[in-house]
Amino acid sequence: MFIAHLPSGYILAKLLLKKFKQTKITNKAFFTLIMLGAVFPDIDLFYFYLFDHRSVHHHKYFLHWFSFWIPIFLIALFYFIHSKYTAKPALMISLFSGAALLHIGLDTFVGDVWLFAPFIDQPYVFFEVSSRYQPWWLNFILHWSFFVELLICLIALILLVRKKN
């Protein structure tokens, strides 16, 4: 995914907002947490370009591991439930990490993701994007899957415009 992580976070926030309306988190904080979580795993791109010099696929870094985010999500969620839905920090961590899990799931659509890292060193992808064009990112933009990203962006835009009206 290139352009759909932030819009997908917005869609997730819109879907979850009604469910968590009774919490003491403002709508602004609610949307901010989820949308930041939806793009946060790609913060490893700074390391990828500035220090690692692109020697290892950035999806191999721990911020793109389900084994990193799932325990964080589950521990926070169980604590939130155990607190009878009053532990605000636990909810905030659940929302953020849940959005990060969405990010990784979306990356798996057409990008190699090491789903079982660090236990299994094997990339998985739903649909392969063949390398035909230079620069490399043209292969993704000219692939049919980019339409899915545009569709996600369109849905987010419709939800945003509908909210303002």
Protein backbone atom coordinates (compact mmCIF):
# COMPACT_ATOMS: atom_id res chain seq x y z
CA MET A 1 0.00 0.00 0.00
CA PHE A 2 1.18 3.47 -0.84
CA ILE A 3 -1.58 5.97 -0.30
CA ALA A 4 -4.38 4.12 1.50
CA HIS A 5 -3.01 3.65 5.03
CA LEU A 6 -4.14 7.01 6.38
CA PRO A 7 -7.58 6.86 4.69
CA SER A 8 -8.03 3.29 5.94
CA GLY A 9 -7.33 4.56 9.45
CA TYR A 10 -10.01 7.20 9.00
CA ILE A 11 -12.50 4.54 7.84
CA LEU A 12 -11.61 2.34 10.83
CA ALA A 13 -12.09 5.28 13.21
CA LYS A 14 -15.48 6.07 11.68
CA LEU A 15 -16.55 2.43 12.06
CA LEU A 16 -15.38 2.19 15.68
CA LEU A 17 -16.54 5.61 16.86
CA LYS A 18 -20.14 4.54 17.50
CA LYS A 19 -18.97 1.48 19.42
CA PHE A 20 -16.74 3.54 21.72
CA LYS A 21 -18.82 6.73 21.95
CA GLN A 22 -19.26 6.35 25.73
CA THR A 23 -15.52 6.46 26.44
CA LYS A 24 -13.85 9.56 27.79
CA ILE A 25 -11.70 10.02 24.70
CA THR A 26 -12.49 13.05 22.58
CA ASN A 27 -13.38 12.44 18.94
CA LYS A 28 -10.24 14.30 17.89
CA ALA A 29 -8.01 12.09 20.06
CA PHE A 30 -9.92 8.99 18.92
CA PHE A 31 -9.34 9.75 15.23
CA THR A 32 -5.75 10.88 15.84
CA LEU A 33 -4.82 7.66 17.67
CA ILE A 34 -6.25 5.41 15.01
CA MET A 35 -4.95 7.36 12.04
CA LEU A 36 -1.46 7.56 13.56
CA GLY A 37 -1.57 3.84 14.28
CA ALA A 38 -2.57 3.20 10.67
CA VAL A 39 0.64 4.80 9.38
CA PHE A 40 3.01 4.16 12.31
CA PRO A 41 4.56 0.88 11.09
CA ASP A 42 6.03 2.78 8.14
CA ILE A 43 8.12 4.90 10.48
CA ASP A 44 10.68 2.15 9.92
CA LEU A 45 11.22 3.67 6.47
CA PHE A 46 13.42 6.30 8.12
CA TYR A 47 15.73 3.56 9.36
CA PHE A 48 15.43 1.73 6.03
CA TYR A 49 16.66 4.73 4.02
CA LEU A 50 18.87 6.62 6.47
CA PHE A 51 20.75 3.85 8.26
CA ASP A 52 20.13 0.47 6.64
CA HIS A 53 20.65 1.83 3.11
CA ARG A 54 17.81 -0.41 1.85
CA SER A 55 19.77 -3.59 2.53
CA VAL A 56 16.80 -5.34 4.22
CA HIS A 57 13.18 -5.08 3.11
CA HIS A 58 11.50 -2.71 5.56
CA HIS A 59 8.63 -5.18 6.05
CA LYS A 60 11.16 -7.43 7.83
CA TYR A 61 11.55 -4.90 10.64
CA PHE A 62 9.64 -5.57 13.87
CA LEU A 63 7.15 -2.75 13.29
CA HIS A 64 5.73 -4.86 10.46
CA TRP A 65 5.44 -8.05 12.54
CA PHE A 66 2.10 -9.36 13.70
CA SER A 67 4.01 -10.98 16.57
CA PHE A 68 4.89 -7.49 17.82
CA TRP A 69 1.45 -5.86 17.52
CA ILE A 70 -0.90 -8.71 18.44
CA PRO A 71 0.39 -9.11 22.04
CA ILE A 72 0.23 -5.34 22.57
CA PHE A 73 -3.31 -5.23 21.21
CA LEU A 74 -4.51 -8.25 23.22
CA ILE A 75 -2.92 -7.21 26.53
CA ALA A 76 -4.37 -3.71 26.23
CA LEU A 77 -7.77 -5.03 25.15
CA PHE A 78 -7.94 -7.58 27.98
CA TYR A 79 -6.95 -4.90 30.48
CA PHE A 80 -9.60 -2.55 29.08
CA ILE A 81 -12.24 -5.27 29.40
CA HIS A 82 -11.00 -6.29 32.88
CA SER A 83 -11.27 -2.65 34.00
CA LYS A 84 -14.95 -2.76 33.05
CA TYR A 85 -14.22 -0.48 30.08
CA THR A 86 -12.82 2.36 32.19
CA ALA A 87 -9.04 2.12 31.55
CA LYS A 88 -8.57 4.94 29.08
CA PRO A 89 -4.85 4.22 28.39
CA ALA A 90 -5.67 0.58 27.62
CA LEU A 91 -8.33 1.66 25.14
CA MET A 92 -5.93 4.12 23.53
CA ILE A 93 -3.24 1.44 23.13
CA SER A 94 -5.83 -1.00 21.74
CA LEU A 95 -6.99 1.52 19.16
CA PHE A 96 -3.45 2.44 18.11
CA SER A 97 -2.20 -1.14 17.87
CA GLY A 98 -5.40 -2.29 16.15
CA ALA A 99 -4.80 0.32 13.47
CA ALA A 100 -1.18 -0.86 13.14
CA LEU A 101 -2.51 -4.38 12.58
CA LEU A 102 -4.78 -2.99 9.86
CA HIS A 103 -1.69 -1.43 8.27
CA ILE A 104 0.12 -4.77 8.17
CA GLY A 105 -2.95 -6.52 6.81
CA LEU A 106 -3.20 -3.98 4.01
CA ASP A 107 0.52 -4.31 3.26
CA THR A 108 -0.02 -8.03 2.78
CA PHE A 109 -2.38 -7.30 -0.11
CA VAL A 110 0.44 -6.71 -2.64
CA GLY A 111 3.58 -6.31 -0.55
CA ASP A 112 5.73 -9.04 0.95
CA VAL A 113 5.08 -9.23 4.68
CA TRP A 114 6.82 -11.62 7.05
CA LEU A 115 3.60 -12.63 8.83
CA PHE A 116 5.21 -15.06 11.24
CA ALA A 117 8.46 -13.20 11.92
CA PRO A 118 10.64 -13.62 13.84
CA PHE A 119 9.70 -17.30 14.05
CA ILE A 120 9.49 -18.03 10.32
CA ASP A 121 11.61 -16.12 7.81
CA GLN A 122 9.13 -16.33 4.93
CA PRO A 123 7.36 -13.46 3.13
CA TYR A 124 3.67 -13.75 2.29
CA VAL A 125 1.63 -11.75 -0.19
CA PHE A 126 -1.92 -12.10 -1.51
CA PHE A 127 -1.21 -10.78 -5.02
CA GLU A 128 2.20 -10.56 -6.66
CA VAL A 129 3.24 -7.35 -8.42
CA SER A 130 5.69 -8.20 -11.18
CA SER A 131 8.70 -5.99 -11.79
CA ARG A 132 8.32 -4.40 -15.23
CA TYR A 133 8.97 -0.68 -14.85
CA GLN A 134 11.57 1.70 -13.50
CA PRO A 135 11.42 3.27 -10.98
CA TRP A 136 10.15 0.39 -8.83
CA TRP A 137 7.07 2.22 -7.50
CA LEU A 138 5.58 2.45 -11.00
CA ASN A 139 4.99 -1.30 -10.81
CA PHE A 140 2.58 -0.72 -7.93
CA ILE A 141 0.87 2.36 -9.33
CA LEU A 142 0.27 0.70 -12.71
CA HIS A 143 -0.95 -2.55 -11.11
CA TRP A 144 -4.71 -3.21 -10.78
CA SER A 145 -4.36 -3.24 -7.00
CA PHE A 146 -3.76 0.52 -7.01
CA PHE A 147 -7.43 0.86 -7.94
CA VAL A 148 -8.23 -0.76 -4.57
CA GLU A 149 -6.14 1.92 -2.87
CA LEU A 150 -7.97 4.63 -4.78
CA LEU A 151 -11.26 3.03 -3.77
CA ILE A 152 -10.25 3.11 -0.09
CA CYS A 153 -9.34 6.79 -0.49
CA LEU A 154 -12.67 7.49 -2.19
CA ILE A 155 -14.63 5.78 0.60
CA ALA A 156 -12.74 7.81 3.22
CA LEU A 157 -13.40 11.00 1.26
CA ILE A 158 -17.12 10.21 1.00
CA LEU A 159 -17.29 9.58 4.76
CA LEU A 160 -15.48 12.85 5.43
CA VAL A 161 -17.69 14.89 3.10
CA ARG A 162 -20.84 13.23 4.45
CA LYS A 163 -19.75 14.18 7.99
CA LYS A 164 -19.34 17.84 7.03
CA ASN A 165 -22.83 18.03 5.46
